[in-house]
């Protein structure tokens, strides 16, 4: 997580696991969203809406 350096970040991927979430929670002091995308569909309007909602709540 050196590249995030404690800053808020969003990780969008089709292979996010509970292990990834646990690792980020333990090693990243800043806010983060790990958003899993279904690889069969790619990014959908639902994904974009979820990302937008999270970003609106965590501005600044």
N, C-alpha and C. Protein backbone atom coordinates (compact mmCIF):
# COMPACT_ATOMS: atom_id res chain seq x y z
N UNK A 1 0.80 -1.20 0.00
CA UNK A 1 0.00 0.00 0.00
C UNK A 1 0.84 1.26 0.00
N UNK A 2 2.12 1.14 -0.24
CA UNK A 2 2.98 2.32 -0.27
C UNK A 2 2.49 3.35 -1.28
N UNK A 3 1.97 2.88 -2.41
CA UNK A 3 1.55 3.81 -3.45
C UNK A 3 0.34 4.63 -3.02
N UNK A 4 -0.47 4.13 -2.11
CA UNK A 4 -1.62 4.90 -1.62
C UNK A 4 -1.22 5.84 -0.50
N UNK A 5 -0.15 5.49 0.21
CA UNK A 5 0.43 6.36 1.27
C UNK A 5 -0.62 6.91 2.24
N UNK A 6 -1.57 6.06 2.63
CA UNK A 6 -2.58 6.50 3.60
C UNK A 6 -3.73 7.29 3.01
N UNK A 7 -3.67 7.58 1.71
CA UNK A 7 -4.74 8.35 1.07
C UNK A 7 -5.95 7.46 0.79
N UNK A 8 -7.10 8.08 0.66
CA UNK A 8 -8.32 7.39 0.27
C UNK A 8 -8.12 6.81 -1.13
N UNK A 9 -8.56 5.55 -1.32
CA UNK A 9 -8.47 4.97 -2.66
C UNK A 9 -9.60 3.97 -2.89
N UNK A 10 -9.84 3.72 -4.18
CA UNK A 10 -10.81 2.73 -4.61
C UNK A 10 -10.07 1.71 -5.47
N UNK A 11 -10.32 0.44 -5.19
CA UNK A 11 -9.73 -0.66 -5.96
C UNK A 11 -10.90 -1.40 -6.60
N UNK A 12 -10.92 -1.43 -7.93
CA UNK A 12 -11.96 -2.12 -8.69
C UNK A 12 -11.30 -3.29 -9.40
N UNK A 13 -11.83 -4.50 -9.15
CA UNK A 13 -11.18 -5.69 -9.70
C UNK A 13 -12.20 -6.82 -9.73
N UNK A 14 -11.92 -7.83 -10.53
CA UNK A 14 -12.81 -9.00 -10.55
C UNK A 14 -12.29 -10.13 -9.68
N UNK A 15 -11.18 -9.92 -8.98
CA UNK A 15 -10.61 -10.97 -8.14
C UNK A 15 -10.37 -10.51 -6.70
N UNK A 16 -11.19 -9.65 -6.18
CA UNK A 16 -11.05 -9.20 -4.79
C UNK A 16 -11.61 -10.29 -3.88
N UNK A 17 -10.83 -10.63 -2.85
CA UNK A 17 -11.23 -11.68 -1.91
C UNK A 17 -11.31 -11.12 -0.50
N UNK A 18 -11.81 -11.94 0.41
CA UNK A 18 -11.82 -11.56 1.82
C UNK A 18 -10.41 -11.35 2.32
N UNK A 19 -9.47 -12.13 1.81
CA UNK A 19 -8.05 -11.96 2.19
C UNK A 19 -7.57 -10.55 1.82
N UNK A 20 -7.92 -10.08 0.64
CA UNK A 20 -7.54 -8.73 0.21
C UNK A 20 -8.13 -7.68 1.14
N UNK A 21 -9.39 -7.83 1.47
CA UNK A 21 -10.06 -6.87 2.35
C UNK A 21 -9.41 -6.86 3.74
N UNK A 22 -9.11 -8.03 4.26
CA UNK A 22 -8.46 -8.13 5.57
C UNK A 22 -7.09 -7.48 5.54
N UNK A 23 -6.32 -7.72 4.47
CA UNK A 23 -4.98 -7.16 4.35
C UNK A 23 -5.04 -5.63 4.29
N UNK A 24 -5.93 -5.10 3.47
CA UNK A 24 -6.05 -3.64 3.36
C UNK A 24 -6.48 -3.05 4.70
N UNK A 25 -7.43 -3.66 5.36
CA UNK A 25 -7.89 -3.17 6.65
C UNK A 25 -6.75 -3.13 7.68
N UNK A 26 -5.88 -4.11 7.64
CA UNK A 26 -4.78 -4.20 8.60
C UNK A 26 -3.60 -3.29 8.25
N UNK A 27 -3.44 -2.95 6.96
CA UNK A 27 -2.23 -2.24 6.53
C UNK A 27 -2.44 -0.85 5.96
N UNK A 28 -3.68 -0.45 5.80
CA UNK A 28 -3.93 0.87 5.19
C UNK A 28 -4.75 1.73 6.15
N UNK A 29 -4.14 2.80 6.66
CA UNK A 29 -4.85 3.64 7.63
C UNK A 29 -5.93 4.53 7.02
N UNK A 30 -5.87 4.77 5.73
CA UNK A 30 -6.84 5.65 5.09
C UNK A 30 -8.11 4.91 4.71
N UNK A 31 -9.07 5.66 4.21
CA UNK A 31 -10.32 5.07 3.74
C UNK A 31 -10.07 4.33 2.44
N UNK A 32 -10.80 3.24 2.26
CA UNK A 32 -10.65 2.48 1.02
C UNK A 32 -11.94 1.75 0.69
N UNK A 33 -12.13 1.54 -0.58
CA UNK A 33 -13.23 0.73 -1.07
C UNK A 33 -12.64 -0.31 -2.00
N UNK A 34 -12.88 -1.57 -1.71
CA UNK A 34 -12.51 -2.66 -2.61
C UNK A 34 -13.80 -3.15 -3.24
N UNK A 35 -13.97 -2.84 -4.50
CA UNK A 35 -15.23 -3.13 -5.20
C UNK A 35 -15.00 -4.23 -6.22
N UNK A 36 -15.68 -5.36 -6.01
CA UNK A 36 -15.55 -6.49 -6.93
C UNK A 36 -16.52 -6.35 -8.09
N UNK A 37 -16.00 -6.56 -9.29
CA UNK A 37 -16.79 -6.50 -10.51
C UNK A 37 -16.95 -7.92 -11.04
N UNK A 38 -18.14 -8.26 -11.46
CA UNK A 38 -18.39 -9.57 -12.04
C UNK A 38 -17.70 -9.64 -13.41
N UNK A 39 -16.75 -10.55 -13.58
CA UNK A 39 -16.00 -10.60 -14.84
C UNK A 39 -16.85 -10.96 -16.06
N UNK A 40 -18.02 -11.53 -15.81
CA UNK A 40 -18.89 -11.86 -16.95
C UNK A 40 -19.50 -10.62 -17.59
N UNK A 41 -19.60 -9.52 -16.81
CA UNK A 41 -20.28 -8.32 -17.30
C UNK A 41 -19.39 -7.09 -17.37
N UNK A 42 -18.27 -7.11 -16.67
CA UNK A 42 -17.44 -5.91 -16.60
C UNK A 42 -18.14 -4.85 -15.75
N UNK A 43 -17.72 -3.62 -15.87
CA UNK A 43 -18.34 -2.53 -15.11
C UNK A 43 -19.73 -2.24 -15.65
N UNK A 44 -20.70 -2.24 -14.76
CA UNK A 44 -22.09 -1.98 -15.14
C UNK A 44 -22.54 -0.66 -14.54
N UNK A 45 -23.72 -0.23 -14.91
CA UNK A 45 -24.29 0.99 -14.33
C UNK A 45 -24.42 0.85 -12.81
N UNK A 46 -24.73 -0.34 -12.35
CA UNK A 46 -24.84 -0.58 -10.90
C UNK A 46 -23.50 -0.37 -10.21
N UNK A 47 -22.42 -0.85 -10.84
CA UNK A 47 -21.08 -0.64 -10.28
C UNK A 47 -20.75 0.85 -10.23
N UNK A 48 -20.99 1.54 -11.32
CA UNK A 48 -20.70 2.98 -11.36
C UNK A 48 -21.52 3.74 -10.31
N UNK A 49 -22.77 3.35 -10.11
CA UNK A 49 -23.60 3.99 -9.09
C UNK A 49 -23.04 3.74 -7.70
N UNK A 50 -22.60 2.52 -7.42
CA UNK A 50 -22.02 2.20 -6.11
C UNK A 50 -20.73 2.97 -5.89
N UNK A 51 -19.89 3.05 -6.90
CA UNK A 51 -18.64 3.81 -6.79
C UNK A 51 -18.92 5.29 -6.57
N UNK A 52 -19.86 5.84 -7.33
CA UNK A 52 -20.21 7.25 -7.18
C UNK A 52 -20.75 7.54 -5.78
N UNK A 53 -21.62 6.68 -5.29
CA UNK A 53 -22.18 6.88 -3.96
C UNK A 53 -21.08 6.86 -2.90
N UNK A 54 -20.17 5.91 -2.98
CA UNK A 54 -19.08 5.83 -2.00
C UNK A 54 -18.20 7.09 -2.08
N UNK A 55 -17.87 7.50 -3.30
CA UNK A 55 -17.02 8.68 -3.47
C UNK A 55 -17.71 9.93 -2.95
N UNK A 56 -19.01 10.06 -3.16
CA UNK A 56 -19.74 11.23 -2.64
C UNK A 56 -19.69 11.27 -1.12
N UNK A 57 -19.77 10.10 -0.47
CA UNK A 57 -19.74 10.04 0.98
C UNK A 57 -18.34 10.25 1.57
N UNK A 58 -17.31 10.03 0.75
CA UNK A 58 -15.93 10.08 1.25
C UNK A 58 -15.09 11.13 0.54
N UNK A 59 -15.69 12.23 0.16
CA UNK A 59 -14.94 13.32 -0.48
C UNK A 59 -14.01 13.98 0.54
N UNK A 60 -12.92 14.50 0.01
CA UNK A 60 -12.06 15.30 0.85
C UNK A 60 -10.96 14.64 1.53
